[in-house]
Amino acid sequence: MSRKIYTYDYVKELLLENGYEFISPFDESQTRDRTYYASMTFRNINTNEIYKVPAGSAVRPKLNYINKKNGATPIPTIRSQREVTVEVNEKLFETEGCKITNINGERITYTYYGKEFLTIYDHFVNGARPHNNIKDLVDRLNNEDCELIELMDGNKFKYRHNGDIYQSNRSSWNKGIRSHTCKRRRWTQEAIEQILAKEDCTLISEFTKLSIPINYRHEGFDYSVRMDNWIHGNIRPHRGRTAKRLK
């Protein structure tokens, strides 16, 4: 039994049988028995949507499947890539705190609080929000006068309350645990920076814990102090009390 050679006329016939019109250049020298390895572009006659099958894909009899030995895959939906140009309203994303990083036809890549998401523009316009999980956290924080600052690894996050920065995680927050109401406060690098900044001082070393001295700068001079002494003992080296100016 002879095998069918995929000439231009035969491929065109197969496309028309399935409601598609062949519109890309066709090089018959690249055809083989039962497969066609050059890229091809075709149009849905009813919807005018344009599809492109990448080079290396195979045209099977009646164009029902591509690369059938790797699994049944309908041409118009999975392996073919729809080429669509849309006019994107970037303000729609900006009003929700989203920043577009890439536009590829109808596919929009954007960031929300540092996390990257991919969406279809029409889906976004119609209300679909891939970042809803994070937006829900933002709304819950705002309802308690808190502001999301940073999303960390896992389910951890940093937030601001009354000018101070705290760290929490979603599990604790869902249980009603609030870092800013706990008796034992969790001190962070950012929190220490804010405390020093209130007195025109700048943290210039890494903070680990209250009992380990940190270095800070005030009016061009560097000093060292333990933050537990600063907070609970009102020790201010730059004011002259137990002054320890660093070289």
C-alpha atoms as a PDB file:
ATOM      1  CA  MET A   1       0.000   0.000   0.000  1.00  0.00           C
ATOM      2  CA  SER A   2       1.497   3.307  -1.096  1.00  0.00           C
ATOM      3  CA  ARG A   3       1.891   6.152   1.387  1.00  0.00           C
ATOM      4  CA  LYS A   4       0.421   9.571   0.731  1.00  0.00           C
ATOM      5  CA  ILE A   5       2.874  12.376  -0.055  1.00  0.00           C
ATOM      6  CA  TYR A   6       1.871  15.669   1.561  1.00  0.00           C
ATOM      7  CA  THR A   7       1.837  17.988  -1.432  1.00  0.00           C
ATOM      8  CA  TYR A   8       0.429  21.524  -1.296  1.00  0.00           C
ATOM      9  CA  ASP A   9      -2.887  20.459  -2.827  1.00  0.00           C
ATOM     10  CA  TYR A  10      -3.301  17.537  -0.433  1.00  0.00           C
ATOM     11  CA  VAL A  11      -2.527  19.585   2.704  1.00  0.00           C
ATOM     12  CA  LYS A  12      -4.872  22.331   1.485  1.00  0.00           C
ATOM     13  CA  GLU A  13      -7.606  19.736   0.985  1.00  0.00           C
ATOM     14  CA  LEU A  14      -7.142  18.311   4.486  1.00  0.00           C
ATOM     15  CA  LEU A  15      -7.322  21.775   6.030  1.00  0.00           C
ATOM     16  CA  LEU A  16     -10.507  22.672   4.188  1.00  0.00           C
ATOM     17  CA  GLU A  17     -12.140  19.445   5.364  1.00  0.00           C
ATOM     18  CA  ASN A  18     -11.549  20.591   8.931  1.00  0.00           C
ATOM     19  CA  GLY A  19     -12.645  24.205   8.427  1.00  0.00           C
ATOM     20  CA  TYR A  20      -9.206  25.787   7.989  1.00  0.00           C
ATOM     21  CA  GLU A  21      -7.534  27.734   5.205  1.00  0.00           C
ATOM     22  CA  PHE A  22      -3.842  27.277   4.482  1.00  0.00           C
ATOM     23  CA  ILE A  23      -2.103  30.686   4.327  1.00  0.00           C
ATOM     24  CA  SER A  24       1.636  30.103   4.931  1.00  0.00           C
ATOM     25  CA  PRO A  25       4.350  29.504   2.297  1.00  0.00           C
ATOM     26  CA  PHE A  26       4.668  25.843   1.391  1.00  0.00           C
ATOM     27  CA  ASP A  27       7.905  24.126   0.374  1.00  0.00           C
ATOM     28  CA  GLU A  28       7.079  20.710  -1.065  1.00  0.00           C
ATOM     29  CA  SER A  29      10.767  19.769  -0.944  1.00  0.00           C
ATOM     30  CA  GLN A  30      10.454  19.483   2.849  1.00  0.00           C
ATOM     31  CA  THR A  31       7.566  17.013   2.808  1.00  0.00           C
ATOM     32  CA  ARG A  32       7.973  13.362   3.716  1.00  0.00           C
ATOM     33  CA  ASP A  33       5.845  10.268   3.742  1.00  0.00           C
ATOM     34  CA  ARG A  34       3.023  10.773   6.272  1.00  0.00           C
ATOM     35  CA  THR A  35       4.657  13.806   7.960  1.00  0.00           C
ATOM     36  CA  TYR A  36       5.381  17.432   7.173  1.00  0.00           C
ATOM     37  CA  TYR A  37       8.198  19.068   9.130  1.00  0.00           C
ATOM     38  CA  ALA A  38       8.167  22.701   8.008  1.00  0.00           C
ATOM     39  CA  SER A  39       6.216  25.298  10.000  1.00  0.00           C
ATOM     40  CA  MET A  40       2.801  26.184   8.624  1.00  0.00           C
ATOM     41  CA  THR A  41       0.193  28.859   9.297  1.00  0.00           C
ATOM     42  CA  PHE A  42      -3.541  28.458   8.764  1.00  0.00           C
ATOM     43  CA  ARG A  43      -6.780  30.338   9.484  1.00  0.00           C
ATOM     44  CA  ASN A  44     -10.089  29.204  10.954  1.00  0.00           C
ATOM     45  CA  ILE A  45     -12.600  30.038   8.226  1.00  0.00           C
ATOM     46  CA  ASN A  46     -15.441  30.642  10.706  1.00  0.00           C
ATOM     47  CA  THR A  47     -13.660  32.663  13.404  1.00  0.00           C
ATOM     48  CA  ASN A  48     -10.734  34.157  11.399  1.00  0.00           C
ATOM     49  CA  GLU A  49      -8.379  33.061  14.200  1.00  0.00           C
ATOM     50  CA  ILE A  50      -4.841  32.405  12.927  1.00  0.00           C
ATOM     51  CA  TYR A  51      -2.827  29.416  14.122  1.00  0.00           C
ATOM     52  CA  LYS A  52       0.777  28.403  13.600  1.00  0.00           C
ATOM     53  CA  VAL A  53       2.127  24.869  13.835  1.00  0.00           C
ATOM     54  CA  PRO A  54       5.867  24.970  14.731  1.00  0.00           C
ATOM     55  CA  ALA A  55       8.523  23.318  12.592  1.00  0.00           C
ATOM     56  CA  GLY A  56       8.929  19.685  13.539  1.00  0.00           C
ATOM     57  CA  SER A  57       5.225  19.078  14.067  1.00  0.00           C
ATOM     58  CA  ALA A  58       3.653  16.340  11.983  1.00  0.00           C
ATOM     59  CA  VAL A  59       0.518  16.530   9.840  1.00  0.00           C
ATOM     60  CA  ARG A  60      -1.383  13.268  10.262  1.00  0.00           C
ATOM     61  CA  PRO A  61      -4.211  12.036   7.984  1.00  0.00           C
ATOM     62  CA  LYS A  62      -7.270  14.344   8.246  1.00  0.00           C
ATOM     63  CA  LEU A  63      -5.191  16.662  10.545  1.00  0.00           C
ATOM     64  CA  ASN A  64      -6.826  15.190  13.650  1.00  0.00           C
ATOM     65  CA  TYR A  65      -3.632  14.892  15.690  1.00  0.00           C
ATOM     66  CA  ILE A  66      -0.069  16.186  15.875  1.00  0.00           C
ATOM     67  CA  ASN A  67       2.714  13.817  16.939  1.00  0.00           C
ATOM     68  CA  LYS A  68       0.226  11.088  17.790  1.00  0.00           C
ATOM     69  CA  LYS A  69       2.904   8.780  19.163  1.00  0.00           C
ATOM     70  CA  ASN A  70       3.449  11.338  21.938  1.00  0.00           C
ATOM     71  CA  GLY A  71      -0.258  11.410  22.740  1.00  0.00           C
ATOM     72  CA  ALA A  72      -3.416  12.562  20.979  1.00  0.00           C
ATOM     73  CA  THR A  73      -3.260  16.355  20.647  1.00  0.00           C
ATOM     74  CA  PRO A  74      -5.891  18.352  18.708  1.00  0.00           C
ATOM     75  CA  ILE A  75      -4.273  20.826  16.322  1.00  0.00           C
ATOM     76  CA  PRO A  76      -6.121  24.093  17.107  1.00  0.00           C
ATOM     77  CA  THR A  77      -5.868  23.916  20.891  1.00  0.00           C
ATOM     78  CA  ILE A  78      -2.621  22.500  22.257  1.00  0.00           C
ATOM     79  CA  ARG A  79       0.339  22.357  19.905  1.00  0.00           C
ATOM     80  CA  SER A  80      -0.710  25.240  17.659  1.00  0.00           C
ATOM     81  CA  GLN A  81      -0.135  28.803  18.838  1.00  0.00           C
ATOM     82  CA  ARG A  82      -2.804  31.386  18.156  1.00  0.00           C
ATOM     83  CA  GLU A  83      -1.406  34.669  16.817  1.00  0.00           C
ATOM     84  CA  VAL A  84      -3.522  37.493  18.234  1.00  0.00           C
ATOM     85  CA  THR A  85      -2.853  41.202  18.549  1.00  0.00           C
ATOM     86  CA  VAL A  86      -4.805  43.118  21.190  1.00  0.00           C
ATOM     87  CA  GLU A  87      -4.776  46.714  22.373  1.00  0.00           C
ATOM     88  CA  VAL A  88      -3.849  46.513  26.042  1.00  0.00           C
ATOM     89  CA  ASN A  89      -5.195  49.029  28.548  1.00  0.00           C
ATOM     90  CA  GLU A  90      -2.244  49.202  30.953  1.00  0.00           C
ATOM     91  CA  LYS A  91      -4.149  51.458  33.373  1.00  0.00           C
ATOM     92  CA  LEU A  92      -6.474  48.535  34.091  1.00  0.00           C
ATOM     93  CA  PHE A  93      -3.474  46.709  35.579  1.00  0.00           C
ATOM     94  CA  GLU A  94      -1.977  49.767  37.267  1.00  0.00           C
ATOM     95  CA  THR A  95      -5.161  50.570  39.183  1.00  0.00           C
ATOM     96  CA  GLU A  96      -4.870  47.166  40.892  1.00  0.00           C
ATOM     97  CA  GLY A  97      -1.187  47.553  41.728  1.00  0.00           C
ATOM     98  CA  CYS A  98      -0.052  45.288  38.880  1.00  0.00           C
ATOM     99  CA  LYS A  99       2.945  46.044  36.659  1.00  0.00           C
ATOM    100  CA  ILE A 100       3.063  44.625  33.122  1.00  0.00           C
ATOM    101  CA  THR A 101       6.464  43.132  32.289  1.00  0.00           C
ATOM    102  CA  ASN A 102       5.760  41.534  28.903  1.00  0.00           C
ATOM    103  CA  ILE A 103       3.049  41.565  26.221  1.00  0.00           C
ATOM    104  CA  ASN A 104       2.997  38.674  23.755  1.00  0.00           C
ATOM    105  CA  GLY A 105      -0.145  38.956  21.685  1.00  0.00           C
ATOM    106  CA  GLU A 106      -3.032  38.272  24.050  1.00  0.00           C
ATOM    107  CA  ARG A 107      -0.735  36.834  26.724  1.00  0.00           C
ATOM    108  CA  ILE A 108       0.187  39.321  29.449  1.00  0.00           C
ATOM    109  CA  THR A 109       2.936  38.774  32.020  1.00  0.00           C
ATOM    110  CA  TYR A 110       2.728  41.030  35.067  1.00  0.00           C
ATOM    111  CA  THR A 111       3.979  41.300  38.651  1.00  0.00           C
ATOM    112  CA  TYR A 112       1.997  41.869  41.843  1.00  0.00           C
ATOM    113  CA  TYR A 113       3.955  42.477  45.064  1.00  0.00           C
ATOM    114  CA  GLY A 114       7.027  40.981  43.400  1.00  0.00           C
ATOM    115  CA  LYS A 115       5.318  37.780  42.229  1.00  0.00           C
ATOM    116  CA  GLU A 116       4.995  37.083  38.488  1.00  0.00           C
ATOM    117  CA  PHE A 117       1.744  35.992  36.850  1.00  0.00           C
ATOM    118  CA  LEU A 118       0.588  35.106  33.330  1.00  0.00           C
ATOM    119  CA  THR A 119      -2.903  35.862  32.046  1.00  0.00           C
ATOM    120  CA  ILE A 120      -4.930  36.192  28.862  1.00  0.00           C
ATOM    121  CA  TYR A 121      -5.920  39.833  28.364  1.00  0.00           C
ATOM    122  CA  ASP A 122      -9.610  39.112  27.671  1.00  0.00           C
ATOM    123  CA  HIS A 123      -9.771  36.947  30.801  1.00  0.00           C
ATOM    124  CA  PHE A 124      -8.321  39.771  32.900  1.00  0.00           C
ATOM    125  CA  VAL A 125     -10.772  42.278  31.436  1.00  0.00           C
ATOM    126  CA  ASN A 126     -13.644  39.925  32.296  1.00  0.00           C
ATOM    127  CA  GLY A 127     -12.589  39.697  35.945  1.00  0.00           C
ATOM    128  CA  ALA A 128     -10.168  36.754  36.134  1.00  0.00           C
ATOM    129  CA  ARG A 129      -7.338  37.538  38.569  1.00  0.00           C
ATOM    130  CA  PRO A 130      -4.469  35.005  38.917  1.00  0.00           C
ATOM    131  CA  HIS A 131      -3.202  37.053  41.880  1.00  0.00           C
ATOM    132  CA  ASN A 132      -6.464  36.830  43.849  1.00  0.00           C
ATOM    133  CA  ASN A 133      -4.807  34.778  46.568  1.00  0.00           C
ATOM    134  CA  ILE A 134      -2.354  37.593  47.321  1.00  0.00           C
ATOM    135  CA  LYS A 135      -4.995  40.290  46.875  1.00  0.00           C
ATOM    136  CA  ASP A 136      -7.102  38.552  49.531  1.00  0.00           C
ATOM    137  CA  LEU A 137      -4.153  38.817  51.951  1.00  0.00           C
ATOM    138  CA  VAL A 138      -3.684  42.509  51.085  1.00  0.00           C
ATOM    139  CA  ASP A 139      -7.365  43.239  51.744  1.00  0.00           C
ATOM    140  CA  ARG A 140      -7.331  41.391  55.080  1.00  0.00           C
ATOM    141  CA  LEU A 141      -4.260  43.327  56.200  1.00  0.00           C
ATOM    142  CA  ASN A 142      -5.803  46.634  55.148  1.00  0.00           C
ATOM    143  CA  ASN A 143      -8.923  45.845  57.171  1.00  0.00           C
ATOM    144  CA  GLU A 144      -6.732  45.835  60.297  1.00  0.00           C
ATOM    145  CA  ASP A 145      -4.762  49.003  59.428  1.00  0.00           C
ATOM    146  CA  CYS A 146      -1.817  46.957  58.194  1.00  0.00           C
ATOM    147  CA  GLU A 147       0.071  47.245  54.920  1.00  0.00           C
ATOM    148  CA  LEU A 148       1.757  44.386  53.066  1.00  0.00           C
ATOM    149  CA  ILE A 149       5.442  45.203  52.511  1.00  0.00           C
ATOM    150  CA  GLU A 150       7.037  42.042  51.152  1.00  0.00           C
ATOM    151  CA  LEU A 151       6.165  38.461  50.259  1.00  0.00           C
ATOM    152  CA  MET A 152       8.832  36.061  51.500  1.00  0.00           C
ATOM    153  CA  ASP A 153       9.605  32.389  50.872  1.00  0.00           C
ATOM    154  CA  GLY A 154       6.798  29.977  51.624  1.00  0.00           C
ATOM    155  CA  ASN A 155       3.805  31.667  53.209  1.00  0.00           C
ATOM    156  CA  LYS A 156       5.778  34.254  55.182  1.00  0.00           C
ATOM    157  CA  PHE A 157       5.350  37.990  54.699  1.00  0.00           C
ATOM    158  CA  LYS A 158       6.322  41.346  56.188  1.00  0.00           C
ATOM    159  CA  TYR A 159       3.820  44.084  56.951  1.00  0.00           C
ATOM    160  CA  ARG A 160       3.688  47.562  58.476  1.00  0.00           C
ATOM    161  CA  HIS A 161       1.476  48.617  61.379  1.00  0.00           C
ATOM    162  CA  ASN A 162       1.580  52.083  62.990  1.00  0.00           C
ATOM    163  CA  GLY A 163       4.929  52.776  61.329  1.00  0.00           C
ATOM    164  CA  ASP A 164       6.620  49.592  62.557  1.00  0.00           C
ATOM    165  CA  ILE A 165       7.429  46.522  60.457  1.00  0.00           C
ATOM    166  CA  TYR A 166       6.506  42.995  61.553  1.00  0.00           C
ATOM    167  CA  GLN A 167       6.831  39.489  60.159  1.00  0.00           C
ATOM    168  CA  SER A 168       4.122  36.836  60.078  1.00  0.00           C
ATOM    169  CA  ASN A 169       2.837  33.940  58.002  1.00  0.00           C
ATOM    170  CA  ARG A 170      -0.576  33.075  56.586  1.00  0.00           C
ATOM    171  CA  SER A 171      -1.157  30.154  58.913  1.00  0.00           C
ATOM    172  CA  SER A 172      -0.655  32.300  62.008  1.00  0.00           C
ATOM    173  CA  TRP A 173      -2.675  35.169  60.549  1.00  0.00           C
ATOM    174  CA  ASN A 174      -5.574  32.840  59.729  1.00  0.00           C
ATOM    175  CA  LYS A 175      -5.533  31.660  63.358  1.00  0.00           C
ATOM    176  CA  GLY A 176      -5.867  35.238  64.586  1.00  0.00           C
ATOM    177  CA  ILE A 177      -2.270  35.634  65.736  1.00  0.00           C
ATOM    178  CA  ARG A 178      -1.028  39.198  65.179  1.00  0.00           C
ATOM    179  CA  SER A 179       2.678  39.938  65.561  1.00  0.00           C
ATOM    180  CA  HIS A 180       1.955  43.599  66.385  1.00  0.00           C
ATOM    181  CA  THR A 181      -0.241  42.640  69.364  1.00  0.00           C
ATOM    182  CA  CYS A 182       1.996  39.930  70.824  1.00  0.00           C
ATOM    183  CA  LYS A 183       3.690  40.714  74.145  1.00  0.00           C
ATOM    184  CA  ARG A 184       7.011  39.583  72.729  1.00  0.00           C
ATOM    185  CA  ARG A 185       7.824  41.628  69.692  1.00  0.00           C
ATOM    186  CA  ARG A 186       9.886  40.176  66.868  1.00  0.00           C
ATOM    187  CA  TRP A 187      12.642  42.648  66.060  1.00  0.00           C
ATOM    188  CA  THR A 188      13.785  42.804  62.434  1.00  0.00           C
ATOM    189  CA  GLN A 189      16.466  44.683  60.525  1.00  0.00           C
ATOM    190  CA  GLU A 190      13.821  47.045  59.167  1.00  0.00           C
ATOM    191  CA  ALA A 191      12.340  47.687  62.613  1.00  0.00           C
ATOM    192  CA  ILE A 192      15.749  48.639  64.048  1.00  0.00           C
ATOM    193  CA  GLU A 193      16.400  50.914  61.062  1.00  0.00           C
ATOM    194  CA  GLN A 194      13.124  52.718  61.743  1.00  0.00           C
ATOM    195  CA  ILE A 195      13.888  53.170  65.454  1.00  0.00           C
ATOM    196  CA  LEU A 196      17.306  54.656  64.684  1.00  0.00           C
ATOM    197  CA  ALA A 197      15.911  56.865  61.928  1.00  0.00           C
ATOM    198  CA  LYS A 198      13.622  58.595  64.437  1.00  0.00           C
ATOM    199  CA  GLU A 199      16.768  60.126  65.959  1.00  0.00           C
ATOM    200  CA  ASP A 200      18.553  60.831  62.643  1.00  0.00           C
ATOM    201  CA  CYS A 201      20.715  57.726  62.975  1.00  0.00           C
ATOM    202  CA  THR A 202      21.523  55.150  60.289  1.00  0.00           C
ATOM    203  CA  LEU A 203      22.114  51.435  60.873  1.00  0.00           C
ATOM    204  CA  ILE A 204      25.396  50.416  59.203  1.00  0.00           C
ATOM    205  CA  SER A 205      25.719  46.812  60.407  1.00  0.00           C
ATOM    206  CA  GLU A 206      23.560  43.696  60.379  1.00  0.00           C
ATOM    207  CA  PHE A 207      21.118  43.285  63.244  1.00  0.00           C
ATOM    208  CA  THR A 208      20.831  39.791  64.750  1.00  0.00           C
ATOM    209  CA  LYS A 209      19.290  40.216  68.201  1.00  0.00           C
ATOM    210  CA  LEU A 210      18.842  42.894  70.886  1.00  0.00           C
ATOM    211  CA  SER A 211      21.719  41.713  73.089  1.00  0.00           C
ATOM    212  CA  ILE A 212      24.347  41.867  70.333  1.00  0.00           C
ATOM    213  CA  PRO A 213      25.776  45.363  69.625  1.00  0.00           C
ATOM    214  CA  ILE A 214      25.040  47.055  66.317  1.00  0.00           C
ATOM    215  CA  ASN A 215      26.903  49.908  64.641  1.00  0.00           C
ATOM    216  CA  TYR A 216      25.143  53.080  63.568  1.00  0.00           C
ATOM    217  CA  ARG A 217      26.070  56.478  62.130  1.00  0.00           C
ATOM    218  CA  HIS A 218      25.036  59.914  63.406  1.00  0.00           C
ATOM    219  CA  GLU A 219      26.167  63.223  61.885  1.00  0.00           C
ATOM    220  CA  GLY A 220      29.162  61.607  60.209  1.00  0.00           C
ATOM    221  CA  PHE A 221      30.400  59.616  63.225  1.00  0.00           C
ATOM    222  CA  ASP A 222      29.962  55.899  63.887  1.00  0.00           C
ATOM    223  CA  TYR A 223      28.849  54.441  67.211  1.00  0.00           C
ATOM    224  CA  SER A 224      28.091  51.040  68.748  1.00  0.00           C
ATOM    225  CA  VAL A 225      25.246  50.112  71.076  1.00  0.00           C
ATOM    226  CA  ARG A 226      23.162  47.185  72.235  1.00  0.00           C
ATOM    227  CA  MET A 227      19.587  47.715  71.124  1.00  0.00           C
ATOM    228  CA  ASP A 228      18.141  46.387  74.391  1.00  0.00           C
ATOM    229  CA  ASN A 229      20.039  49.202  76.138  1.00  0.00           C
ATOM    230  CA  TRP A 230      18.763  51.671  73.536  1.00  0.00           C
ATOM    231  CA  ILE A 231      15.139  50.575  73.868  1.00  0.00           C
ATOM    232  CA  HIS A 232      14.855  49.789  77.582  1.00  0.00           C
ATOM    233  CA  GLY A 233      17.705  51.844  79.081  1.00  0.00           C
ATOM    234  CA  ASN A 234      17.541  54.972  76.909  1.00  0.00           C
ATOM    235  CA  ILE A 235      21.264  54.591  76.115  1.00  0.00           C
ATOM    236  CA  ARG A 236      22.353  56.940  73.318  1.00  0.00           C
ATOM    237  CA  PRO A 237      26.127  56.846  72.678  1.00  0.00           C
ATOM    238  CA  HIS A 238      25.958  59.854  70.338  1.00  0.00           C
ATOM    239  CA  ARG A 239      24.504  61.966  73.162  1.00  0.00           C
ATOM    240  CA  GLY A 240      27.482  61.296  75.410  1.00  0.00           C
ATOM    241  CA  ARG A 241      26.024  58.646  77.718  1.00  0.00           C
ATOM    242  CA  THR A 242      28.506  55.744  77.730  1.00  0.00           C
ATOM    243  CA  ALA A 243      29.800  57.219  74.490  1.00  0.00           C
ATOM    244  CA  LYS A 244      31.745  54.818  72.313  1.00  0.00           C
ATOM    245  CA  ARG A 245      32.719  56.476  69.099  1.00  0.00           C
ATOM    246  CA  LEU A 246      34.156  54.070  66.550  1.00  0.00           C
ATOM    247  CA  LYS A 247      37.278  54.891  64.542  1.00  0.00           C
END
